[in-house]
């Protein structure tokens, strides 16, 4: 019996010691965690946080006021701003690309008297990339084949001017001007660019409304103007919406010269070498050339961009 009692007391003492050891280890672990937080804070590491974004009290698109006092208008803008602002990697890339392409787009918009805000429509359409949609809309401005031909673009197996930034921007401006004349509103012109004139006209007839913000439209068209406006807000208030980009990180404009070609070109690889460049970089500047050759049976004159010497050197790279 005595041995049993001594054995019991021994086990009790051992259990107490083990419990104390566990508590000590836990405390030490917490202290290490706190120390780790302090070390990270000292190194300037900030914990990632997300939250809602502040909307402006007043916002104009193409000189036309958005009725943000209406809950549905405000919530629609809020939705697109959240998506665009928290689509970090894609939006940062768009901001960098815009430095290269907006200088091409902006003066063409001004030439036609189309508001400068429509440069953000190209972002909403394509992220400033030469994309092809599932239905065949092509290029920065996502122009359909039939629409392009209607506006005089050359579109065939060798040449597709929907990929030509300057020419497609001219067509987009003409389309927008026609829609503006039709509706008397730049906002409605933007909606029609997405939904088509027939689609928008049909909803105007059904609903007896002519104001974009009062029309019930398809999901894509209903979100479209707000998507454009969200990029306008971000571009005009980069740091307010969390985008801190060093000017050296923007993609530079590529200097080039234009060469007039009115004959066939047997191979653009040899053509590129004659001008001190590569096939890859020639096609980057001229994505509208769809084949590695040009038959040109009608002997049209094409202006082909050839990059200037030294165009590939990145000036902000620090040499080892």
C-alpha atoms as a PDB file:
ATOM      1  CA  UNK A   1       0.000   0.000   0.000  1.00  0.00           C
ATOM      2  CA  UNK A   2       2.806   2.431   0.949  1.00  0.00           C
ATOM      3  CA  UNK A   3       4.595   1.731  -2.310  1.00  0.00           C
ATOM      4  CA  UNK A   4       1.369   2.425  -4.164  1.00  0.00           C
ATOM      5  CA  UNK A   5       0.929   5.820  -2.399  1.00  0.00           C
ATOM      6  CA  UNK A   6       4.566   6.785  -3.121  1.00  0.00           C
ATOM      7  CA  UNK A   7       4.154   5.774  -6.727  1.00  0.00           C
ATOM      8  CA  UNK A   8       0.977   7.883  -6.964  1.00  0.00           C
ATOM      9  CA  UNK A   9       2.671  10.966  -5.494  1.00  0.00           C
ATOM     10  CA  UNK A  10       5.596  10.511  -7.910  1.00  0.00           C
ATOM     11  CA  UNK A  11       3.244  10.404 -10.905  1.00  0.00           C
ATOM     12  CA  UNK A  12       1.406  13.482  -9.628  1.00  0.00           C
ATOM     13  CA  UNK A  13       4.664  15.451  -9.261  1.00  0.00           C
ATOM     14  CA  UNK A  14       5.811  14.299 -12.702  1.00  0.00           C
ATOM     15  CA  UNK A  15       2.504  15.358 -14.238  1.00  0.00           C
ATOM     16  CA  UNK A  16       2.789  18.804 -12.627  1.00  0.00           C
ATOM     17  CA  UNK A  17       6.338  19.248 -13.932  1.00  0.00           C
ATOM     18  CA  UNK A  18       5.306  18.241 -17.473  1.00  0.00           C
ATOM     19  CA  UNK A  19       2.399  20.676 -17.399  1.00  0.00           C
ATOM     20  CA  UNK A  20       4.714  23.469 -16.247  1.00  0.00           C
ATOM     21  CA  UNK A  21       7.145  22.614 -19.042  1.00  0.00           C
ATOM     22  CA  UNK A  22       4.384  22.792 -21.669  1.00  0.00           C
ATOM     23  CA  UNK A  23       3.243  26.195 -20.394  1.00  0.00           C
ATOM     24  CA  UNK A  24       6.837  27.466 -20.477  1.00  0.00           C
ATOM     25  CA  UNK A  25       7.295  26.300 -24.060  1.00  0.00           C
ATOM     26  CA  UNK A  26       4.051  27.962 -25.140  1.00  0.00           C
ATOM     27  CA  UNK A  27       5.055  31.237 -23.518  1.00  0.00           C
ATOM     28  CA  UNK A  28       8.424  31.063 -25.226  1.00  0.00           C
ATOM     29  CA  UNK A  29       6.714  30.411 -28.549  1.00  0.00           C
ATOM     30  CA  UNK A  30       4.433  33.417 -28.136  1.00  0.00           C
ATOM     31  CA  UNK A  31       7.419  35.568 -27.250  1.00  0.00           C
ATOM     32  CA  UNK A  32       9.194  34.419 -30.412  1.00  0.00           C
ATOM     33  CA  UNK A  33       6.098  35.237 -32.454  1.00  0.00           C
ATOM     34  CA  UNK A  34       5.868  38.716 -30.951  1.00  0.00           C
ATOM     35  CA  UNK A  35       9.566  39.168 -31.557  1.00  0.00           C
ATOM     36  CA  UNK A  36       9.099  38.118 -35.186  1.00  0.00           C
ATOM     37  CA  UNK A  37       6.343  40.705 -35.643  1.00  0.00           C
ATOM     38  CA  UNK A  38       8.599  43.367 -34.160  1.00  0.00           C
ATOM     39  CA  UNK A  39      11.479  42.345 -36.430  1.00  0.00           C
ATOM     40  CA  UNK A  40       9.247  42.528 -39.509  1.00  0.00           C
ATOM     41  CA  UNK A  41       7.914  45.907 -38.406  1.00  0.00           C
ATOM     42  CA  UNK A  42      11.470  47.175 -38.015  1.00  0.00           C
ATOM     43  CA  UNK A  43      12.280  45.987 -41.547  1.00  0.00           C
ATOM     44  CA  UNK A  44       9.308  47.974 -42.843  1.00  0.00           C
ATOM     45  CA  UNK A  45       7.218  44.933 -43.821  1.00  0.00           C
ATOM     46  CA  UNK A  46       3.540  45.909 -43.805  1.00  0.00           C
ATOM     47  CA  UNK A  47       0.821  43.313 -43.390  1.00  0.00           C
ATOM     48  CA  UNK A  48      -1.445  43.123 -46.465  1.00  0.00           C
ATOM     49  CA  UNK A  49      -4.853  44.654 -45.865  1.00  0.00           C
ATOM     50  CA  UNK A  50      -7.896  45.036 -48.058  1.00  0.00           C
ATOM     51  CA  UNK A  51     -10.905  47.230 -47.632  1.00  0.00           C
ATOM     52  CA  UNK A  52     -13.544  49.236 -49.426  1.00  0.00           C
ATOM     53  CA  UNK A  53     -12.463  52.147 -51.610  1.00  0.00           C
ATOM     54  CA  UNK A  54     -13.572  55.738 -51.342  1.00  0.00           C
ATOM     55  CA  UNK A  55     -15.773  56.980 -54.150  1.00  0.00           C
ATOM     56  CA  UNK A  56     -15.750  60.627 -55.184  1.00  0.00           C
ATOM     57  CA  UNK A  57     -18.798  62.774 -54.464  1.00  0.00           C
ATOM     58  CA  UNK A  58     -18.807  63.927 -58.090  1.00  0.00           C
ATOM     59  CA  UNK A  59     -17.496  62.243 -61.226  1.00  0.00           C
ATOM     60  CA  UNK A  60     -17.740  63.218 -64.874  1.00  0.00           C
ATOM     61  CA  UNK A  61     -17.296  60.896 -67.837  1.00  0.00           C
ATOM     62  CA  UNK A  62     -16.589  62.671 -71.131  1.00  0.00           C
ATOM     63  CA  UNK A  63     -17.902  65.890 -69.599  1.00  0.00           C
ATOM     64  CA  UNK A  64     -21.183  64.284 -68.529  1.00  0.00           C
ATOM     65  CA  UNK A  65     -21.969  63.966 -64.820  1.00  0.00           C
ATOM     66  CA  UNK A  66     -22.550  60.510 -63.395  1.00  0.00           C
ATOM     67  CA  UNK A  67     -25.538  60.614 -60.984  1.00  0.00           C
ATOM     68  CA  UNK A  68     -23.720  59.169 -57.994  1.00  0.00           C
ATOM     69  CA  UNK A  69     -26.520  60.327 -55.722  1.00  0.00           C
ATOM     70  CA  UNK A  70     -28.493  57.350 -57.061  1.00  0.00           C
ATOM     71  CA  UNK A  71     -27.748  54.194 -55.068  1.00  0.00           C
ATOM     72  CA  UNK A  72     -27.677  51.960 -58.145  1.00  0.00           C
ATOM     73  CA  UNK A  73     -25.257  54.214 -60.014  1.00  0.00           C
ATOM     74  CA  UNK A  74     -23.002  54.483 -56.980  1.00  0.00           C
ATOM     75  CA  UNK A  75     -22.996  50.751 -56.317  1.00  0.00           C
ATOM     76  CA  UNK A  76     -22.295  49.978 -59.972  1.00  0.00           C
ATOM     77  CA  UNK A  77     -19.254  52.246 -59.938  1.00  0.00           C
ATOM     78  CA  UNK A  78     -18.161  50.794 -56.604  1.00  0.00           C
ATOM     79  CA  UNK A  79     -18.290  47.272 -58.033  1.00  0.00           C
ATOM     80  CA  UNK A  80     -16.116  48.070 -61.043  1.00  0.00           C
ATOM     81  CA  UNK A  81     -13.664  50.147 -59.031  1.00  0.00           C
ATOM     82  CA  UNK A  82     -13.163  47.289 -56.572  1.00  0.00           C
ATOM     83  CA  UNK A  83     -12.568  44.842 -59.422  1.00  0.00           C
ATOM     84  CA  UNK A  84     -10.162  47.122 -61.298  1.00  0.00           C
ATOM     85  CA  UNK A  85      -8.224  48.290 -58.240  1.00  0.00           C
ATOM     86  CA  UNK A  86      -7.828  44.831 -56.699  1.00  0.00           C
ATOM     87  CA  UNK A  87      -6.931  43.256 -60.037  1.00  0.00           C
ATOM     88  CA  UNK A  88      -3.424  44.285 -59.072  1.00  0.00           C
ATOM     89  CA  UNK A  89      -1.062  42.596 -61.507  1.00  0.00           C
ATOM     90  CA  UNK A  90      -3.223  43.220 -64.570  1.00  0.00           C
ATOM     91  CA  UNK A  91      -3.947  46.847 -63.664  1.00  0.00           C
ATOM     92  CA  UNK A  92      -0.280  47.608 -62.949  1.00  0.00           C
ATOM     93  CA  UNK A  93       0.633  46.169 -66.357  1.00  0.00           C
ATOM     94  CA  UNK A  94      -2.079  48.312 -68.000  1.00  0.00           C
ATOM     95  CA  UNK A  95      -0.738  51.452 -66.303  1.00  0.00           C
ATOM     96  CA  UNK A  96       2.759  50.670 -67.556  1.00  0.00           C
ATOM     97  CA  UNK A  97       1.543  49.936 -71.109  1.00  0.00           C
ATOM     98  CA  UNK A  98      -0.517  53.125 -71.215  1.00  0.00           C
ATOM     99  CA  UNK A  99       2.688  55.156 -71.106  1.00  0.00           C
ATOM    100  CA  UNK A 100       3.570  53.659 -74.488  1.00  0.00           C
ATOM    101  CA  UNK A 101       0.193  53.746 -76.201  1.00  0.00           C
ATOM    102  CA  UNK A 102      -1.744  56.718 -74.810  1.00  0.00           C
ATOM    103  CA  UNK A 103       0.588  59.158 -76.633  1.00  0.00           C
ATOM    104  CA  UNK A 104      -0.635  57.539 -79.868  1.00  0.00           C
ATOM    105  CA  UNK A 105      -4.321  57.443 -78.928  1.00  0.00           C
ATOM    106  CA  UNK A 106      -4.740  60.860 -77.290  1.00  0.00           C
ATOM    107  CA  UNK A 107      -3.935  63.110 -80.286  1.00  0.00           C
ATOM    108  CA  UNK A 108      -6.213  61.081 -82.571  1.00  0.00           C
ATOM    109  CA  UNK A 109      -9.116  61.467 -80.134  1.00  0.00           C
ATOM    110  CA  UNK A 110      -8.400  65.208 -80.011  1.00  0.00           C
ATOM    111  CA  UNK A 111      -8.270  65.377 -83.822  1.00  0.00           C
ATOM    112  CA  UNK A 112     -11.843  64.070 -84.029  1.00  0.00           C
ATOM    113  CA  UNK A 113     -13.123  66.018 -81.044  1.00  0.00           C
ATOM    114  CA  UNK A 114     -13.785  62.827 -79.103  1.00  0.00           C
ATOM    115  CA  UNK A 115     -13.335  63.376 -75.335  1.00  0.00           C
ATOM    116  CA  UNK A 116      -9.999  62.250 -73.924  1.00  0.00           C
ATOM    117  CA  UNK A 117     -11.794  59.937 -71.461  1.00  0.00           C
ATOM    118  CA  UNK A 118     -12.393  57.515 -74.321  1.00  0.00           C
ATOM    119  CA  UNK A 119      -8.789  56.361 -74.109  1.00  0.00           C
ATOM    120  CA  UNK A 120      -9.974  54.380 -71.086  1.00  0.00           C
ATOM    121  CA  UNK A 121     -12.522  52.649 -73.323  1.00  0.00           C
ATOM    122  CA  UNK A 122      -9.590  50.954 -75.059  1.00  0.00           C
ATOM    123  CA  UNK A 123      -8.534  49.607 -71.664  1.00  0.00           C
ATOM    124  CA  UNK A 124     -12.033  48.308 -70.944  1.00  0.00           C
ATOM    125  CA  UNK A 125     -12.051  46.639 -74.348  1.00  0.00           C
ATOM    126  CA  UNK A 126      -8.618  45.015 -74.473  1.00  0.00           C
ATOM    127  CA  UNK A 127      -6.294  46.019 -71.601  1.00  0.00           C
ATOM    128  CA  UNK A 128      -4.289  47.735 -74.382  1.00  0.00           C
ATOM    129  CA  UNK A 129      -3.456  44.397 -75.974  1.00  0.00           C
ATOM    130  CA  UNK A 130      -4.116  43.074 -79.468  1.00  0.00           C
ATOM    131  CA  UNK A 131      -6.725  40.575 -78.367  1.00  0.00           C
ATOM    132  CA  UNK A 132      -9.266  38.572 -80.347  1.00  0.00           C
ATOM    133  CA  UNK A 133     -12.585  37.953 -78.614  1.00  0.00           C
ATOM    134  CA  UNK A 134     -14.575  34.710 -78.911  1.00  0.00           C
ATOM    135  CA  UNK A 135     -16.855  36.416 -81.467  1.00  0.00           C
ATOM    136  CA  UNK A 136     -13.944  37.768 -83.519  1.00  0.00           C
ATOM    137  CA  UNK A 137     -13.662  41.352 -82.278  1.00  0.00           C
ATOM    138  CA  UNK A 138     -10.017  42.267 -82.800  1.00  0.00           C
ATOM    139  CA  UNK A 139      -7.313  44.654 -81.665  1.00  0.00           C
ATOM    140  CA  UNK A 140      -7.079  47.365 -79.023  1.00  0.00           C
ATOM    141  CA  UNK A 141     -10.522  48.665 -79.969  1.00  0.00           C
ATOM    142  CA  UNK A 142     -12.087  45.223 -80.519  1.00  0.00           C
ATOM    143  CA  UNK A 143     -13.463  45.956 -83.979  1.00  0.00           C
ATOM    144  CA  UNK A 144     -15.598  43.338 -85.722  1.00  0.00           C
ATOM    145  CA  UNK A 145     -14.690  42.317 -89.251  1.00  0.00           C
ATOM    146  CA  UNK A 146     -17.936  43.667 -90.762  1.00  0.00           C
ATOM    147  CA  UNK A 147     -17.610  46.981 -88.928  1.00  0.00           C
ATOM    148  CA  UNK A 148     -13.991  47.372 -89.974  1.00  0.00           C
ATOM    149  CA  UNK A 149     -14.807  46.807 -93.630  1.00  0.00           C
ATOM    150  CA  UNK A 150     -17.797  49.136 -93.382  1.00  0.00           C
ATOM    151  CA  UNK A 151     -15.389  51.865 -92.268  1.00  0.00           C
ATOM    152  CA  UNK A 152     -12.900  51.114 -95.058  1.00  0.00           C
ATOM    153  CA  UNK A 153     -10.334  48.936 -93.296  1.00  0.00           C
ATOM    154  CA  UNK A 154      -8.313  46.382 -95.230  1.00  0.00           C
ATOM    155  CA  UNK A 155      -8.924  42.963 -93.683  1.00  0.00           C
ATOM    156  CA  UNK A 156      -7.615  39.826 -95.355  1.00  0.00           C
ATOM    157  CA  UNK A 157      -5.212  36.965 -94.734  1.00  0.00           C
ATOM    158  CA  UNK A 158      -2.104  39.157 -95.183  1.00  0.00           C
ATOM    159  CA  UNK A 159      -3.206  42.526 -93.823  1.00  0.00           C
ATOM    160  CA  UNK A 160      -5.639  43.211 -91.001  1.00  0.00           C
ATOM    161  CA  UNK A 161      -5.807  46.887 -90.128  1.00  0.00           C
ATOM    162  CA  UNK A 162      -7.800  46.203 -86.970  1.00  0.00           C
ATOM    163  CA  UNK A 163      -4.366  45.454 -85.465  1.00  0.00           C
ATOM    164  CA  UNK A 164      -3.047  48.824 -86.644  1.00  0.00           C
ATOM    165  CA  UNK A 165      -3.263  51.105 -83.606  1.00  0.00           C
ATOM    166  CA  UNK A 166      -3.499  54.408 -85.449  1.00  0.00           C
ATOM    167  CA  UNK A 167      -5.954  53.225 -88.111  1.00  0.00           C
ATOM    168  CA  UNK A 168      -8.157  51.356 -85.637  1.00  0.00           C
ATOM    169  CA  UNK A 169      -8.255  54.424 -83.387  1.00  0.00           C
ATOM    170  CA  UNK A 170      -9.450  56.506 -86.342  1.00  0.00           C
ATOM    171  CA  UNK A 171     -12.238  53.982 -86.965  1.00  0.00           C
ATOM    172  CA  UNK A 172     -13.210  53.902 -83.296  1.00  0.00           C
ATOM    173  CA  UNK A 173     -13.460  57.705 -83.292  1.00  0.00           C
ATOM    174  CA  UNK A 174     -15.677  57.736 -86.366  1.00  0.00           C
ATOM    175  CA  UNK A 175     -17.931  55.073 -84.851  1.00  0.00           C
ATOM    176  CA  UNK A 176     -18.201  57.006 -81.578  1.00  0.00           C
ATOM    177  CA  UNK A 177     -18.970  60.258 -83.409  1.00  0.00           C
ATOM    178  CA  UNK A 178     -21.764  58.565 -85.361  1.00  0.00           C
ATOM    179  CA  UNK A 179     -23.216  57.222 -82.123  1.00  0.00           C
ATOM    180  CA  UNK A 180     -22.934  60.616 -80.448  1.00  0.00           C
ATOM    181  CA  UNK A 181     -24.860  62.204 -83.306  1.00  0.00           C
ATOM    182  CA  UNK A 182     -27.472  59.474 -82.908  1.00  0.00           C
ATOM    183  CA  UNK A 183     -27.979  59.773 -79.124  1.00  0.00           C
ATOM    184  CA  UNK A 184     -26.672  63.231 -78.230  1.00  0.00           C
ATOM    185  CA  UNK A 185     -24.714  61.707 -75.340  1.00  0.00           C
ATOM    186  CA  UNK A 186     -21.137  60.512 -75.040  1.00  0.00           C
ATOM    187  CA  UNK A 187     -22.205  58.111 -72.298  1.00  0.00           C
ATOM    188  CA  UNK A 188     -24.737  56.512 -74.615  1.00  0.00           C
ATOM    189  CA  UNK A 189     -22.137  56.474 -77.399  1.00  0.00           C
ATOM    190  CA  UNK A 190     -19.850  54.453 -75.106  1.00  0.00           C
ATOM    191  CA  UNK A 191     -22.710  52.071 -74.260  1.00  0.00           C
ATOM    192  CA  UNK A 192     -23.492  51.610 -77.950  1.00  0.00           C
ATOM    193  CA  UNK A 193     -19.831  50.830 -78.641  1.00  0.00           C
ATOM    194  CA  UNK A 194     -20.292  47.793 -76.435  1.00  0.00           C
ATOM    195  CA  UNK A 195     -23.921  46.862 -77.011  1.00  0.00           C
ATOM    196  CA  UNK A 196     -24.279  47.969 -80.626  1.00  0.00           C
ATOM    197  CA  UNK A 197     -26.648  50.631 -81.908  1.00  0.00           C
ATOM    198  CA  UNK A 198     -29.380  48.118 -82.649  1.00  0.00           C
ATOM    199  CA  UNK A 199     -29.230  46.607 -79.189  1.00  0.00           C
ATOM    200  CA  UNK A 200     -29.334  49.991 -77.470  1.00  0.00           C
ATOM    201  CA  UNK A 201     -32.088  51.281 -79.772  1.00  0.00           C
ATOM    202  CA  UNK A 202     -34.185  48.235 -78.959  1.00  0.00           C
ATOM    203  CA  UNK A 203     -33.980  48.895 -75.218  1.00  0.00           C
ATOM    204  CA  UNK A 204     -34.753  52.588 -75.691  1.00  0.00           C
ATOM    205  CA  UNK A 205     -37.889  51.589 -77.576  1.00  0.00           C
ATOM    206  CA  UNK A 206     -38.977  49.011 -74.979  1.00  0.00           C
ATOM    207  CA  UNK A 207     -38.282  51.126 -71.911  1.00  0.00           C
ATOM    208  CA  UNK A 208     -39.042  54.605 -73.270  1.00  0.00           C
ATOM    209  CA  UNK A 209     -35.801  55.898 -71.720  1.00  0.00           C
ATOM    210  CA  UNK A 210     -32.795  57.541 -73.355  1.00  0.00           C
ATOM    211  CA  UNK A 211     -30.516  57.982 -70.321  1.00  0.00           C
ATOM    212  CA  UNK A 212     -27.875  55.281 -69.839  1.00  0.00           C
ATOM    213  CA  UNK A 213     -28.257  55.392 -66.060  1.00  0.00           C
ATOM    214  CA  UNK A 214     -32.024  54.810 -66.315  1.00  0.00           C
ATOM    215  CA  UNK A 215     -31.895  51.949 -68.814  1.00  0.00           C
ATOM    216  CA  UNK A 216     -31.945  48.256 -67.935  1.00  0.00           C
ATOM    217  CA  UNK A 217     -29.317  46.821 -70.286  1.00  0.00           C
ATOM    218  CA  UNK A 218     -27.513  43.531 -70.701  1.00  0.00           C
ATOM    219  CA  UNK A 219     -25.046  42.713 -67.917  1.00  0.00           C
ATOM    220  CA  UNK A 220     -21.998  43.565 -69.993  1.00  0.00           C
ATOM    221  CA  UNK A 221     -23.339  46.866 -71.357  1.00  0.00           C
ATOM    222  CA  UNK A 222     -24.752  47.865 -67.968  1.00  0.00           C
ATOM    223  CA  UNK A 223     -21.281  47.491 -66.437  1.00  0.00           C
ATOM    224  CA  UNK A 224     -19.371  48.946 -69.375  1.00  0.00           C
ATOM    225  CA  UNK A 225     -19.362  52.695 -68.683  1.00  0.00           C
ATOM    226  CA  UNK A 226     -18.616  52.055 -65.003  1.00  0.00           C
ATOM    227  CA  UNK A 227     -15.645  49.898 -65.961  1.00  0.00           C
ATOM    228  CA  UNK A 228     -14.311  52.738 -68.120  1.00  0.00           C
ATOM    229  CA  UNK A 229     -14.908  55.246 -65.314  1.00  0.00           C
ATOM    230  CA  UNK A 230     -13.126  53.008 -62.799  1.00  0.00           C
ATOM    231  CA  UNK A 231      -9.940  53.143 -64.864  1.00  0.00           C
ATOM    232  CA  UNK A 232     -10.271  56.906 -65.183  1.00  0.00           C
ATOM    233  CA  UNK A 233     -10.468  57.172 -61.384  1.00  0.00           C
ATOM    234  CA  UNK A 234      -7.441  54.933 -60.874  1.00  0.00           C
ATOM    235  CA  UNK A 235      -5.278  56.649 -63.497  1.00  0.00           C
ATOM    236  CA  UNK A 236      -6.080  60.088 -62.136  1.00  0.00           C
ATOM    237  CA  UNK A 237      -5.542  59.029 -58.498  1.00  0.00           C
ATOM    238  CA  UNK A 238      -2.941  56.260 -58.609  1.00  0.00           C
ATOM    239  CA  UNK A 239      -1.589  56.485 -55.077  1.00  0.00           C
ATOM    240  CA  UNK A 240      -5.007  57.074 -53.545  1.00  0.00           C
ATOM    241  CA  UNK A 241      -6.028  53.670 -54.891  1.00  0.00           C
ATOM    242  CA  UNK A 242      -2.815  51.949 -53.848  1.00  0.00           C
ATOM    243  CA  UNK A 243      -0.676  52.087 -56.989  1.00  0.00           C
ATOM    244  CA  UNK A 244       2.867  53.292 -56.382  1.00  0.00           C
ATOM    245  CA  UNK A 245       4.831  52.986 -59.610  1.00  0.00           C
ATOM    246  CA  UNK A 246       8.282  54.407 -60.190  1.00  0.00           C
ATOM    247  CA  UNK A 247       8.324  56.472 -63.418  1.00  0.00           C
ATOM    248  CA  UNK A 248      11.337  54.416 -64.524  1.00  0.00           C
ATOM    249  CA  UNK A 249       9.117  51.327 -64.561  1.00  0.00           C
ATOM    250  CA  UNK A 250       6.711  52.659 -67.191  1.00  0.00           C
ATOM    251  CA  UNK A 251       7.097  51.083 -70.626  1.00  0.00           C
ATOM    252  CA  UNK A 252       8.847  53.575 -72.916  1.00  0.00           C
ATOM    253  CA  UNK A 253       7.662  54.701 -76.315  1.00  0.00           C
ATOM    254  CA  UNK A 254       9.613  52.837 -79.009  1.00  0.00           C
ATOM    255  CA  UNK A 255      11.180  55.251 -81.512  1.00  0.00           C
ATOM    256  CA  UNK A 256      10.733  54.250 -85.128  1.00  0.00           C
ATOM    257  CA  UNK A 257      10.878  55.410 -88.727  1.00  0.00           C
ATOM    258  CA  UNK A 258       8.361  54.548 -91.436  1.00  0.00           C
ATOM    259  CA  UNK A 259       9.353  52.888 -94.668  1.00  0.00           C
ATOM    260  CA  UNK A 260       7.030  53.071 -97.683  1.00  0.00           C
ATOM    261  CA  UNK A 261       6.517  49.693 -99.373  1.00  0.00           C
ATOM    262  CA  UNK A 262       4.519  49.443-102.622  1.00  0.00           C
ATOM    263  CA  UNK A 263       5.795  46.085-103.890  1.00  0.00           C
ATOM    264  CA  UNK A 264       5.716  42.504-102.717  1.00  0.00           C
ATOM    265  CA  UNK A 265       7.930  41.462 -99.807  1.00  0.00           C
ATOM    266  CA  UNK A 266       9.227  37.904-100.164  1.00  0.00           C
ATOM    267  CA  UNK A 267      10.085  37.567 -96.487  1.00  0.00           C
ATOM    268  CA  UNK A 268       9.911  39.981 -93.574  1.00  0.00           C
ATOM    269  CA  UNK A 269      12.793  38.234 -91.811  1.00  0.00           C
ATOM    270  CA  UNK A 270      15.214  39.406 -94.529  1.00  0.00           C
ATOM    271  CA  UNK A 271      13.398  42.748 -94.713  1.00  0.00           C
ATOM    272  CA  UNK A 272      13.961  43.258 -90.970  1.00  0.00           C
ATOM    273  CA  UNK A 273      17.662  42.410 -91.175  1.00  0.00           C
ATOM    274  CA  UNK A 274      18.159  45.039 -93.864  1.00  0.00           C
ATOM    275  CA  UNK A 275      17.014  47.630 -91.351  1.00  0.00           C
ATOM    276  CA  UNK A 276      19.046  46.300 -88.458  1.00  0.00           C
ATOM    277  CA  UNK A 277      16.191  44.688 -86.562  1.00  0.00           C
ATOM    278  CA  UNK A 278      14.559  41.289 -86.113  1.00  0.00           C
ATOM    279  CA  UNK A 279      11.420  39.717 -87.477  1.00  0.00           C
ATOM    280  CA  UNK A 280      10.065  39.594 -83.909  1.00  0.00           C
ATOM    281  CA  UNK A 281      10.474  43.318 -83.312  1.00  0.00           C
ATOM    282  CA  UNK A 282       9.290  44.279 -86.779  1.00  0.00           C
ATOM    283  CA  UNK A 283       6.060  42.376 -86.151  1.00  0.00           C
ATOM    284  CA  UNK A 284       5.705  43.947 -82.691  1.00  0.00           C
ATOM    285  CA  UNK A 285       5.572  47.379 -84.322  1.00  0.00           C
ATOM    286  CA  UNK A 286       3.456  46.149 -87.241  1.00  0.00           C
ATOM    287  CA  UNK A 287       1.032  43.524 -85.904  1.00  0.00           C
ATOM    288  CA  UNK A 288      -1.313  44.290 -88.796  1.00  0.00           C
ATOM    289  CA  UNK A 289       1.052  42.346 -91.088  1.00  0.00           C
ATOM    290  CA  UNK A 290      -0.444  38.886 -90.614  1.00  0.00           C
ATOM    291  CA  UNK A 291       1.958  36.787 -92.668  1.00  0.00           C
ATOM    292  CA  UNK A 292       5.777  36.535 -92.869  1.00  0.00           C
ATOM    293  CA  UNK A 293       5.480  37.836 -96.439  1.00  0.00           C
ATOM    294  CA  UNK A 294       3.404  40.342 -98.424  1.00  0.00           C
ATOM    295  CA  UNK A 295       2.170  39.532-101.928  1.00  0.00           C
ATOM    296  CA  UNK A 296       0.574  42.947-102.421  1.00  0.00           C
ATOM    297  CA  UNK A 297      -1.038  42.142-105.798  1.00  0.00           C
ATOM    298  CA  UNK A 298      -2.723  45.583-105.995  1.00  0.00           C
ATOM    299  CA  UNK A 299       0.557  47.354-105.318  1.00  0.00           C
ATOM    300  CA  UNK A 300      -0.859  49.301-102.416  1.00  0.00           C
ATOM    301  CA  UNK A 301       1.518  51.554-100.517  1.00  0.00           C
ATOM    302  CA  UNK A 302       2.042  50.474 -96.917  1.00  0.00           C
ATOM    303  CA  UNK A 303       3.916  52.429 -94.284  1.00  0.00           C
ATOM    304  CA  UNK A 304       5.921  49.905 -92.269  1.00  0.00           C
ATOM    305  CA  UNK A 305       7.412  50.947 -88.935  1.00  0.00           C
ATOM    306  CA  UNK A 306      11.090  50.173 -88.492  1.00  0.00           C
ATOM    307  CA  UNK A 307      12.604  50.727 -85.033  1.00  0.00           C
ATOM    308  CA  UNK A 308      15.452  53.195 -84.729  1.00  0.00           C
ATOM    309  CA  UNK A 309      18.955  51.975 -83.764  1.00  0.00           C
ATOM    310  CA  UNK A 310      19.343  51.327 -80.051  1.00  0.00           C
ATOM    311  CA  UNK A 311      15.595  50.830 -79.567  1.00  0.00           C
ATOM    312  CA  UNK A 312      16.042  47.667 -77.473  1.00  0.00           C
ATOM    313  CA  UNK A 313      18.343  49.202 -74.894  1.00  0.00           C
ATOM    314  CA  UNK A 314      16.589  49.704 -71.566  1.00  0.00           C
ATOM    315  CA  UNK A 315      18.051  52.940 -70.271  1.00  0.00           C
ATOM    316  CA  UNK A 316      17.145  52.394 -66.606  1.00  0.00           C
ATOM    317  CA  UNK A 317      18.932  49.021 -66.219  1.00  0.00           C
ATOM    318  CA  UNK A 318      21.960  49.332 -63.962  1.00  0.00           C
ATOM    319  CA  UNK A 319      24.976  47.529 -65.379  1.00  0.00           C
ATOM    320  CA  UNK A 320      26.904  45.164 -63.114  1.00  0.00           C
END
